[in-house]
PDB file of N, CA and C in Angstrom:
ATOM      1  N   MET A   1       0.641  -1.078  -0.134  1.00  0.00           N
ATOM      2  CA  MET A   1      -0.189  -0.358  -0.059  1.00  0.00           C
ATOM      3  C   MET A   1       1.234   0.872   0.003  1.00  0.00           C
ATOM      4  N   ALA A   2       0.495   2.442  -0.646  1.00  0.00           N
ATOM      5  CA  ALA A   2       1.047   3.290  -1.217  1.00  0.00           C
ATOM      6  C   ALA A   2       1.331   4.046   0.589  1.00  0.00           C
ATOM      7  N   HIS A   3       1.951   4.926   0.353  1.00  0.00           N
ATOM      8  CA  HIS A   3       2.274   5.391   1.894  1.00  0.00           C
ATOM      9  C   HIS A   3       2.108   7.012   1.414  1.00  0.00           C
ATOM     10  N   LYS A   4       1.426   7.938   2.215  1.00  0.00           N
ATOM     11  CA  LYS A   4       0.560   9.989   1.725  1.00  0.00           C
ATOM     12  C   LYS A   4       2.032  10.756   1.942  1.00  0.00           C
ATOM     13  N   VAL A   5       2.864  11.353   0.956  1.00  0.00           N
ATOM     14  CA  VAL A   5       3.528  12.235   1.893  1.00  0.00           C
ATOM     15  C   VAL A   5       3.367  13.554   1.363  1.00  0.00           C
ATOM     16  N   VAL A   6       3.884  13.755   2.891  1.00  0.00           N
ATOM     17  CA  VAL A   6       3.165  15.217   3.102  1.00  0.00           C
ATOM     18  C   VAL A   6       4.809  16.027   3.698  1.00  0.00           C
ATOM     19  N   TRP A   7       5.039  17.420   3.763  1.00  0.00           N
ATOM     20  CA  TRP A   7       5.636  18.367   3.844  1.00  0.00           C
ATOM     21  C   TRP A   7       4.915  18.839   5.703  1.00  0.00           C
ATOM     22  N   SER A   8       6.458  19.816   6.215  1.00  0.00           N
ATOM     23  CA  SER A   8       6.037  19.914   7.759  1.00  0.00           C
ATOM     24  C   SER A   8       6.297  21.343   6.954  1.00  0.00           C
ATOM     25  N   PRO A   9       5.823  22.278   7.515  1.00  0.00           N
ATOM     26  CA  PRO A   9       6.285  23.835   7.594  1.00  0.00           C
ATOM     27  C   PRO A   9       7.999  23.662   7.258  1.00  0.00           C
ATOM     28  N   THR A  10       8.585  23.153   8.669  1.00  0.00           N
ATOM     29  CA  THR A  10      10.003  23.664   8.538  1.00  0.00           C
ATOM     30  C   THR A  10      10.358  22.783   7.310  1.00  0.00           C
ATOM     31  N   ALA A  11      10.449  21.615   6.914  1.00  0.00           N
ATOM     32  CA  ALA A  11      10.863  21.439   5.723  1.00  0.00           C
ATOM     33  C   ALA A  11      10.527  22.338   4.000  1.00  0.00           C
ATOM     34  N   ILE A  12       8.788  22.460   4.454  1.00  0.00           N
ATOM     35  CA  ILE A  12       9.044  24.094   2.862  1.00  0.00           C
ATOM     36  C   ILE A  12       9.848  24.956   3.514  1.00  0.00           C
ATOM     37  N   GLU A  13       9.907  25.652   4.276  1.00  0.00           N
ATOM     38  CA  GLU A  13      10.639  26.782   5.154  1.00  0.00           C
ATOM     39  C   GLU A  13      12.011  26.546   4.413  1.00  0.00           C
ATOM     40  N   ASP A  14      13.221  25.498   5.048  1.00  0.00           N
ATOM     41  CA  ASP A  14      14.267  24.935   4.690  1.00  0.00           C
ATOM     42  C   ASP A  14      14.751  24.755   2.884  1.00  0.00           C
ATOM     43  N   ILE A  15      13.256  23.916   2.229  1.00  0.00           N
ATOM     44  CA  ILE A  15      13.933  24.818   0.964  1.00  0.00           C
ATOM     45  C   ILE A  15      13.877  25.465  -0.075  1.00  0.00           C
ATOM     46  N   GLU A  16      12.711  26.472   0.799  1.00  0.00           N
ATOM     47  CA  GLU A  16      12.693  28.052   0.184  1.00  0.00           C
ATOM     48  C   GLU A  16      13.919  28.596   0.626  1.00  0.00           C
ATOM     49  N   ALA A  17      14.475  28.406   1.626  1.00  0.00           N
ATOM     50  CA  ALA A  17      15.913  28.411   2.143  1.00  0.00           C
ATOM     51  C   ALA A  17      17.216  29.101   1.095  1.00  0.00           C
ATOM     52  N   ILE A  18      17.210  27.112   0.815  1.00  0.00           N
ATOM     53  CA  ILE A  18      17.778  26.698   0.656  1.00  0.00           C
ATOM     54  C   ILE A  18      18.034  27.254  -1.597  1.00  0.00           C
ATOM     55  N   ALA A  19      16.703  27.128  -1.944  1.00  0.00           N
ATOM     56  CA  ALA A  19      16.541  28.452  -2.853  1.00  0.00           C
ATOM     57  C   ALA A  19      17.272  29.211  -3.032  1.00  0.00           C
ATOM     58  N   SER A  20      16.770  30.286  -1.470  1.00  0.00           N
ATOM     59  CA  SER A  20      17.649  32.150  -1.928  1.00  0.00           C
ATOM     60  C   SER A  20      18.454  31.712  -2.107  1.00  0.00           C
ATOM     61  N   TYR A  21      19.056  30.724  -1.183  1.00  0.00           N
ATOM     62  CA  TYR A  21      21.085  30.847  -1.083  1.00  0.00           C
ATOM     63  C   TYR A  21      21.433  30.771  -2.139  1.00  0.00           C
ATOM     64  N   ILE A  22      20.932  29.530  -3.172  1.00  0.00           N
ATOM     65  CA  ILE A  22      21.496  28.991  -4.054  1.00  0.00           C
ATOM     66  C   ILE A  22      21.652  29.796  -5.275  1.00  0.00           C
ATOM     67  N   SER A  23      20.477  30.642  -5.182  1.00  0.00           N
ATOM     68  CA  SER A  23      19.922  31.747  -6.610  1.00  0.00           C
ATOM     69  C   SER A  23      20.637  33.036  -6.055  1.00  0.00           C
ATOM     70  N   ARG A  24      21.344  32.857  -5.592  1.00  0.00           N
ATOM     71  CA  ARG A  24      22.326  34.582  -5.306  1.00  0.00           C
ATOM     72  C   ARG A  24      22.976  34.325  -6.387  1.00  0.00           C
ATOM     73  N   ASP A  25      24.117  33.263  -6.622  1.00  0.00           N
ATOM     74  CA  ASP A  25      24.780  33.126  -7.588  1.00  0.00           C
ATOM     75  C   ASP A  25      24.003  31.730  -8.811  1.00  0.00           C
ATOM     76  N   SER A  26      22.683  31.622  -8.394  1.00  0.00           N
ATOM     77  CA  SER A  26      22.309  30.997 -10.017  1.00  0.00           C
ATOM     78  C   SER A  26      20.986  30.382 -10.262  1.00  0.00           C
ATOM     79  N   ILE A  27      20.460  31.279 -11.203  1.00  0.00           N
ATOM     80  CA  ILE A  27      18.573  31.156 -10.157  1.00  0.00           C
ATOM     81  C   ILE A  27      18.442  29.182 -11.126  1.00  0.00           C
ATOM     82  N   SER A  28      18.915  29.008 -12.135  1.00  0.00           N
ATOM     83  CA  SER A  28      18.893  28.072 -13.061  1.00  0.00           C
ATOM     84  C   SER A  28      19.119  26.837 -11.731  1.00  0.00           C
ATOM     85  N   TYR A  29      20.583  26.756 -11.521  1.00  0.00           N
ATOM     86  CA  TYR A  29      20.787  25.600 -10.167  1.00  0.00           C
ATOM     87  C   TYR A  29      19.927  25.187  -8.930  1.00  0.00           C
ATOM     88  N   ALA A  30      19.745  26.993  -8.789  1.00  0.00           N
ATOM     89  CA  ALA A  30      18.722  26.468  -7.165  1.00  0.00           C
ATOM     90  C   ALA A  30      17.611  26.110  -7.843  1.00  0.00           C
ATOM     91  N   GLY A  31      16.526  26.097  -9.152  1.00  0.00           N
ATOM     92  CA  GLY A  31      15.328  25.294  -9.433  1.00  0.00           C
ATOM     93  C   GLY A  31      15.950  23.455  -9.378  1.00  0.00           C
ATOM     94  N   THR A  32      17.003  23.455 -10.249  1.00  0.00           N
ATOM     95  CA  THR A  32      17.721  21.671  -9.828  1.00  0.00           C
ATOM     96  C   THR A  32      17.572  21.300  -9.026  1.00  0.00           C
ATOM     97  N   VAL A  33      18.330  21.927  -8.048  1.00  0.00           N
ATOM     98  CA  VAL A  33      18.536  21.483  -6.260  1.00  0.00           C
ATOM     99  C   VAL A  33      17.200  21.355  -6.182  1.00  0.00           C
ATOM    100  N   VAL A  34      16.842  22.243  -5.854  1.00  0.00           N
ATOM    101  CA  VAL A  34      14.297  22.080  -5.633  1.00  0.00           C
ATOM    102  C   VAL A  34      13.888  21.409  -5.866  1.00  0.00           C
ATOM    103  N   ARG A  35      13.974  21.174  -7.505  1.00  0.00           N
ATOM    104  CA  ARG A  35      13.611  19.667  -7.831  1.00  0.00           C
ATOM    105  C   ARG A  35      14.103  18.349  -7.408  1.00  0.00           C
ATOM    106  N   ARG A  36      15.479  18.586  -7.481  1.00  0.00           N
ATOM    107  CA  ARG A  36      15.719  16.399  -7.270  1.00  0.00           C
ATOM    108  C   ARG A  36      15.670  16.676  -6.258  1.00  0.00           C
ATOM    109  N   VAL A  37      15.652  17.745  -5.179  1.00  0.00           N
ATOM    110  CA  VAL A  37      15.080  17.027  -3.479  1.00  0.00           C
ATOM    111  C   VAL A  37      13.595  16.975  -3.866  1.00  0.00           C
ATOM    112  N   ILE A  38      13.330  17.698  -4.560  1.00  0.00           N
ATOM    113  CA  ILE A  38      11.614  16.925  -4.052  1.00  0.00           C
ATOM    114  C   ILE A  38      11.509  15.975  -4.794  1.00  0.00           C
ATOM    115  N   ASN A  39      12.050  15.707  -5.554  1.00  0.00           N
ATOM    116  CA  ASN A  39      11.975  14.583  -6.811  1.00  0.00           C
ATOM    117  C   ASN A  39      12.023  13.071  -5.626  1.00  0.00           C
ATOM    118  N   SER A  40      13.334  13.933  -4.980  1.00  0.00           N
ATOM    119  CA  SER A  40      13.441  12.512  -4.375  1.00  0.00           C
ATOM    120  C   SER A  40      12.614  11.908  -3.095  1.00  0.00           C
ATOM    121  N   THR A  41      11.949  12.334  -3.132  1.00  0.00           N
ATOM    122  CA  THR A  41      10.645  12.145  -2.168  1.00  0.00           C
ATOM    123  C   THR A  41       9.652  11.307  -2.714  1.00  0.00           C
ATOM    124  N   ARG A  42       9.718  11.677  -3.744  1.00  0.00           N
ATOM    125  CA  ARG A  42       8.639  10.729  -4.954  1.00  0.00           C
ATOM    126  C   ARG A  42       8.763   9.678  -4.001  1.00  0.00           C
ATOM    127  N   ASN A  43       9.513   8.792  -4.282  1.00  0.00           N
ATOM    128  CA  ASN A  43       9.524   7.959  -3.956  1.00  0.00           C
ATOM    129  C   ASN A  43       9.752   6.846  -2.762  1.00  0.00           C
ATOM    130  N   LEU A  44       9.239   7.618  -1.722  1.00  0.00           N
ATOM    131  CA  LEU A  44       9.404   7.843  -0.408  1.00  0.00           C
ATOM    132  C   LEU A  44       7.258   6.892  -0.245  1.00  0.00           C
ATOM    133  N   GLU A  45       6.776   7.442  -1.268  1.00  0.00           N
ATOM    134  CA  GLU A  45       5.454   6.486  -1.368  1.00  0.00           C
ATOM    135  C   GLU A  45       5.094   5.010  -1.136  1.00  0.00           C
ATOM    136  N   ASN A  46       5.842   4.656  -1.885  1.00  0.00           N
ATOM    137  CA  ASN A  46       6.063   2.968  -1.850  1.00  0.00           C
ATOM    138  C   ASN A  46       7.524   2.226  -0.950  1.00  0.00           C
ATOM    139  N   PHE A  47       8.218   3.451  -1.196  1.00  0.00           N
ATOM    140  CA  PHE A  47       8.717   2.251  -0.636  1.00  0.00           C
ATOM    141  C   PHE A  47       9.970   3.636   1.157  1.00  0.00           C
ATOM    142  N   PRO A  48       8.918   3.503   1.663  1.00  0.00           N
ATOM    143  CA  PRO A  48       9.984   4.713   2.947  1.00  0.00           C
ATOM    144  C   PRO A  48      10.378   4.229   3.698  1.00  0.00           C
ATOM    145  N   PHE A  49      10.535   3.041   3.976  1.00  0.00           N
ATOM    146  CA  PHE A  49      11.865   2.538   4.558  1.00  0.00           C
ATOM    147  C   PHE A  49      13.420   2.264   3.813  1.00  0.00           C
ATOM    148  N   ALA A  50      12.980   2.889   2.351  1.00  0.00           N
ATOM    149  CA  ALA A  50      14.498   2.804   1.782  1.00  0.00           C
ATOM    150  C   ALA A  50      15.434   3.515   2.232  1.00  0.00           C
ATOM    151  N   GLY A  51      15.543   4.947   2.949  1.00  0.00           N
ATOM    152  CA  GLY A  51      16.619   5.385   3.436  1.00  0.00           C
ATOM    153  C   GLY A  51      17.222   4.789   4.757  1.00  0.00           C
ATOM    154  N   ARG A  52      18.061   5.487   4.493  1.00  0.00           N
ATOM    155  CA  ARG A  52      18.705   5.230   5.994  1.00  0.00           C
ATOM    156  C   ARG A  52      18.322   5.482   7.377  1.00  0.00           C
ATOM    157  N   ILE A  53      18.429   4.956   8.316  1.00  0.00           N
ATOM    158  CA  ILE A  53      18.039   5.197   9.994  1.00  0.00           C
ATOM    159  C   ILE A  53      19.035   6.903   9.781  1.00  0.00           C
ATOM    160  N   VAL A  54      18.600   7.428  10.706  1.00  0.00           N
ATOM    161  CA  VAL A  54      19.520   8.475  11.240  1.00  0.00           C
ATOM    162  C   VAL A  54      20.066   8.074  12.635  1.00  0.00           C
ATOM    163  N   PRO A  55      21.470   8.766  11.790  1.00  0.00           N
ATOM    164  CA  PRO A  55      22.215   8.278  12.866  1.00  0.00           C
ATOM    165  C   PRO A  55      22.259   8.951  14.223  1.00  0.00           C
ATOM    166  N   GLU A  56      22.062   9.853  14.195  1.00  0.00           N
ATOM    167  CA  GLU A  56      21.512  11.076  15.437  1.00  0.00           C
ATOM    168  C   GLU A  56      20.681  10.413  16.495  1.00  0.00           C
ATOM    169  N   PHE A  57      19.637  10.133  15.560  1.00  0.00           N
ATOM    170  CA  PHE A  57      18.604   9.507  16.304  1.00  0.00           C
ATOM    171  C   PHE A  57      18.309   7.720  17.326  1.00  0.00           C
ATOM    172  N   GLY A  58      18.815   6.872  15.748  1.00  0.00           N
ATOM    173  CA  GLY A  58      19.390   5.185  15.917  1.00  0.00           C
ATOM    174  C   GLY A  58      17.112   5.609  15.975  1.00  0.00           C
ATOM    175  N   VAL A  59      16.535   5.816  15.223  1.00  0.00           N
ATOM    176  CA  VAL A  59      14.818   5.260  15.540  1.00  0.00           C
ATOM    177  C   VAL A  59      14.462   4.740  14.142  1.00  0.00           C
ATOM    178  N   GLU A  60      14.211   3.233  14.172  1.00  0.00           N
ATOM    179  CA  GLU A  60      13.104   3.043  13.595  1.00  0.00           C
ATOM    180  C   GLU A  60      11.829   3.293  12.075  1.00  0.00           C
ATOM    181  N   THR A  61      11.666   4.387  12.732  1.00  0.00           N
ATOM    182  CA  THR A  61      10.912   5.410  11.857  1.00  0.00           C
ATOM    183  C   THR A  61      11.204   6.720  11.707  1.00  0.00           C
ATOM    184  N   ILE A  62      12.566   7.253  11.661  1.00  0.00           N
ATOM    185  CA  ILE A  62      13.290   8.141  11.445  1.00  0.00           C
ATOM    186  C   ILE A  62      14.126   8.118  10.642  1.00  0.00           C
ATOM    187  N   ARG A  63      14.473   8.806   9.245  1.00  0.00           N
ATOM    188  CA  ARG A  63      14.848   8.289   8.207  1.00  0.00           C
ATOM    189  C   ARG A  63      15.744   9.480   7.394  1.00  0.00           C
ATOM    190  N   GLU A  64      16.967   9.199   6.442  1.00  0.00           N
ATOM    191  CA  GLU A  64      17.126   9.660   5.693  1.00  0.00           C
ATOM    192  C   GLU A  64      17.342   9.102   4.760  1.00  0.00           C
ATOM    193  N   ILE A  65      16.853  10.425   3.402  1.00  0.00           N
ATOM    194  CA  ILE A  65      17.642  10.304   2.115  1.00  0.00           C
ATOM    195  C   ILE A  65      18.466  11.186   1.584  1.00  0.00           C
ATOM    196  N   PHE A  66      19.107  11.820   0.431  1.00  0.00           N
ATOM    197  CA  PHE A  66      20.574  12.017   0.101  1.00  0.00           C
ATOM    198  C   PHE A  66      20.114  12.628  -1.203  1.00  0.00           C
ATOM    199  N   ALA A  67      20.221  13.968  -1.473  1.00  0.00           N
ATOM    200  CA  ALA A  67      20.141  14.183  -2.769  1.00  0.00           C
ATOM    201  C   ALA A  67      21.183  16.180  -2.743  1.00  0.00           C
ATOM    202  N   TYR A  68      21.872  15.627  -3.470  1.00  0.00           N
ATOM    203  CA  TYR A  68      23.312  16.431  -3.915  1.00  0.00           C
ATOM    204  C   TYR A  68      23.806  16.187  -1.873  1.00  0.00           C
ATOM    205  N   SER A  69      24.302  17.546  -1.349  1.00  0.00           N
ATOM    206  CA  SER A  69      24.993  17.274   0.200  1.00  0.00           C
ATOM    207  C   SER A  69      23.530  17.625   1.040  1.00  0.00           C
ATOM    208  N   TYR A  70      22.307  17.325   0.414  1.00  0.00           N
ATOM    209  CA  TYR A  70      21.377  17.459   0.786  1.00  0.00           C
ATOM    210  C   TYR A  70      20.692  16.567   2.203  1.00  0.00           C
ATOM    211  N   ARG A  71      20.218  16.486   3.653  1.00  0.00           N
ATOM    212  CA  ARG A  71      19.751  15.614   3.877  1.00  0.00           C
ATOM    213  C   ARG A  71      18.392  15.776   3.915  1.00  0.00           C
ATOM    214  N   ILE A  72      17.378  14.801   3.713  1.00  0.00           N
ATOM    215  CA  ILE A  72      16.109  14.397   3.357  1.00  0.00           C
ATOM    216  C   ILE A  72      15.761  13.993   4.777  1.00  0.00           C
ATOM    217  N   ILE A  73      15.492  14.850   6.191  1.00  0.00           N
ATOM    218  CA  ILE A  73      14.771  13.610   7.479  1.00  0.00           C
ATOM    219  C   ILE A  73      13.446  13.578   7.223  1.00  0.00           C
ATOM    220  N   TYR A  74      12.833  12.520   7.047  1.00  0.00           N
ATOM    221  CA  TYR A  74      11.485  12.380   7.457  1.00  0.00           C
ATOM    222  C   TYR A  74      11.112  11.412   8.482  1.00  0.00           C
ATOM    223  N   ARG A  75       9.667  11.069   8.681  1.00  0.00           N
ATOM    224  CA  ARG A  75       9.442  10.074   9.413  1.00  0.00           C
ATOM    225  C   ARG A  75       8.469   9.769   9.059  1.00  0.00           C
ATOM    226  N   ILE A  76       7.875   7.819   9.199  1.00  0.00           N
ATOM    227  CA  ILE A  76       7.106   7.086   9.017  1.00  0.00           C
ATOM    228  C   ILE A  76       6.302   7.065  10.196  1.00  0.00           C
ATOM    229  N   GLU A  77       4.707   7.426  10.201  1.00  0.00           N
ATOM    230  CA  GLU A  77       3.486   6.919  11.236  1.00  0.00           C
ATOM    231  C   GLU A  77       2.872   6.227   9.855  1.00  0.00           C
ATOM    232  N   ASN A  78       2.827   5.371  10.663  1.00  0.00           N
ATOM    233  CA  ASN A  78       1.058   4.822   9.455  1.00  0.00           C
ATOM    234  C   ASN A  78       1.681   4.500   8.361  1.00  0.00           C
ATOM    235  N   GLU A  79       0.350   5.371   7.828  1.00  0.00           N
ATOM    236  CA  GLU A  79      -0.176   5.543   6.197  1.00  0.00           C
ATOM    237  C   GLU A  79       1.391   6.923   5.733  1.00  0.00           C
ATOM    238  N   THR A  80       2.114   7.184   6.471  1.00  0.00           N
ATOM    239  CA  THR A  80       2.154   9.056   6.443  1.00  0.00           C
ATOM    240  C   THR A  80       3.391   9.434   6.297  1.00  0.00           C
ATOM    241  N   VAL A  81       4.347   9.676   5.661  1.00  0.00           N
ATOM    242  CA  VAL A  81       5.357   9.802   5.081  1.00  0.00           C
ATOM    243  C   VAL A  81       5.621  11.284   5.568  1.00  0.00           C
ATOM    244  N   THR A  82       5.936  11.834   6.874  1.00  0.00           N
ATOM    245  CA  THR A  82       6.075  13.099   6.917  1.00  0.00           C
ATOM    246  C   THR A  82       7.972  14.242   6.581  1.00  0.00           C
ATOM    247  N   VAL A  83       8.099  14.332   5.710  1.00  0.00           N
ATOM    248  CA  VAL A  83       9.241  15.558   5.566  1.00  0.00           C
ATOM    249  C   VAL A  83       9.555  16.318   6.363  1.00  0.00           C
ATOM    250  N   ALA A  84      10.588  16.140   7.832  1.00  0.00           N
ATOM    251  CA  ALA A  84      10.997  16.897   8.908  1.00  0.00           C
ATOM    252  C   ALA A  84      11.595  18.114   8.523  1.00  0.00           C
ATOM    253  N   ALA A  85      12.588  17.921   7.508  1.00  0.00           N
ATOM    254  CA  ALA A  85      13.965  18.980   7.181  1.00  0.00           C
ATOM    255  C   ALA A  85      14.739  18.896   6.559  1.00  0.00           C
ATOM    256  N   VAL A  86      15.198  19.546   5.773  1.00  0.00           N
ATOM    257  CA  VAL A  86      16.316  18.911   4.210  1.00  0.00           C
ATOM    258  C   VAL A  86      17.122  20.212   4.701  1.00  0.00           C
ATOM    259  N   ILE A  87      18.083  19.572   5.655  1.00  0.00           N
ATOM    260  CA  ILE A  87      19.326  20.378   5.893  1.00  0.00           C
ATOM    261  C   ILE A  87      20.523  19.963   5.432  1.00  0.00           C
ATOM    262  N   HIS A  88      21.889  20.576   5.186  1.00  0.00           N
ATOM    263  CA  HIS A  88      22.615  21.011   4.198  1.00  0.00           C
ATOM    264  C   HIS A  88      23.514  19.835   5.072  1.00  0.00           C
ATOM    265  N   GLY A  89      24.255  18.389   4.882  1.00  0.00           N
ATOM    266  CA  GLY A  89      25.059  17.803   5.440  1.00  0.00           C
ATOM    267  C   GLY A  89      25.982  18.437   6.136  1.00  0.00           C
ATOM    268  N   ARG A  90      26.509  19.132   6.003  1.00  0.00           N
ATOM    269  CA  ARG A  90      28.018  19.396   7.356  1.00  0.00           C
ATOM    270  C   ARG A  90      27.346  20.540   8.198  1.00  0.00           C
ATOM    271  N   ARG A  91      25.965  20.525   8.282  1.00  0.00           N
ATOM    272  CA  ARG A  91      24.913  21.533   9.762  1.00  0.00           C
ATOM    273  C   ARG A  91      25.343  20.106  10.112  1.00  0.00           C
ATOM    274  N   GLU A  92      25.183  20.453  11.664  1.00  0.00           N
ATOM    275  CA  GLU A  92      24.112  19.305  12.946  1.00  0.00           C
ATOM    276  C   GLU A  92      23.079  19.803  12.573  1.00  0.00           C
ATOM    277  N   LEU A  93      22.763  18.732  13.570  1.00  0.00           N
ATOM    278  CA  LEU A  93      21.397  18.312  13.216  1.00  0.00           C
ATOM    279  C   LEU A  93      20.371  18.782  14.541  1.00  0.00           C
TER     280      LEU A  93
END
């Protein structure tokens, strides 16, 4: 059964901040990065456990996938996958 993927307000703010930061140098590249991040979450509908467990939490239902150098952190609850945050890999969680 397919899961529903939803984005938290924090994750949406993260994407907007990433796009704003990258667009200072290249609007085109900012769009490419944002599209890749969003497209990366589409597979979570059918494969929510495909990402690795977030090492900082060690909880089975809190996982992450990667797009470029960004960590896409999400939580699996019943039939819903909630994208919680999108952070740069060099930032602390």
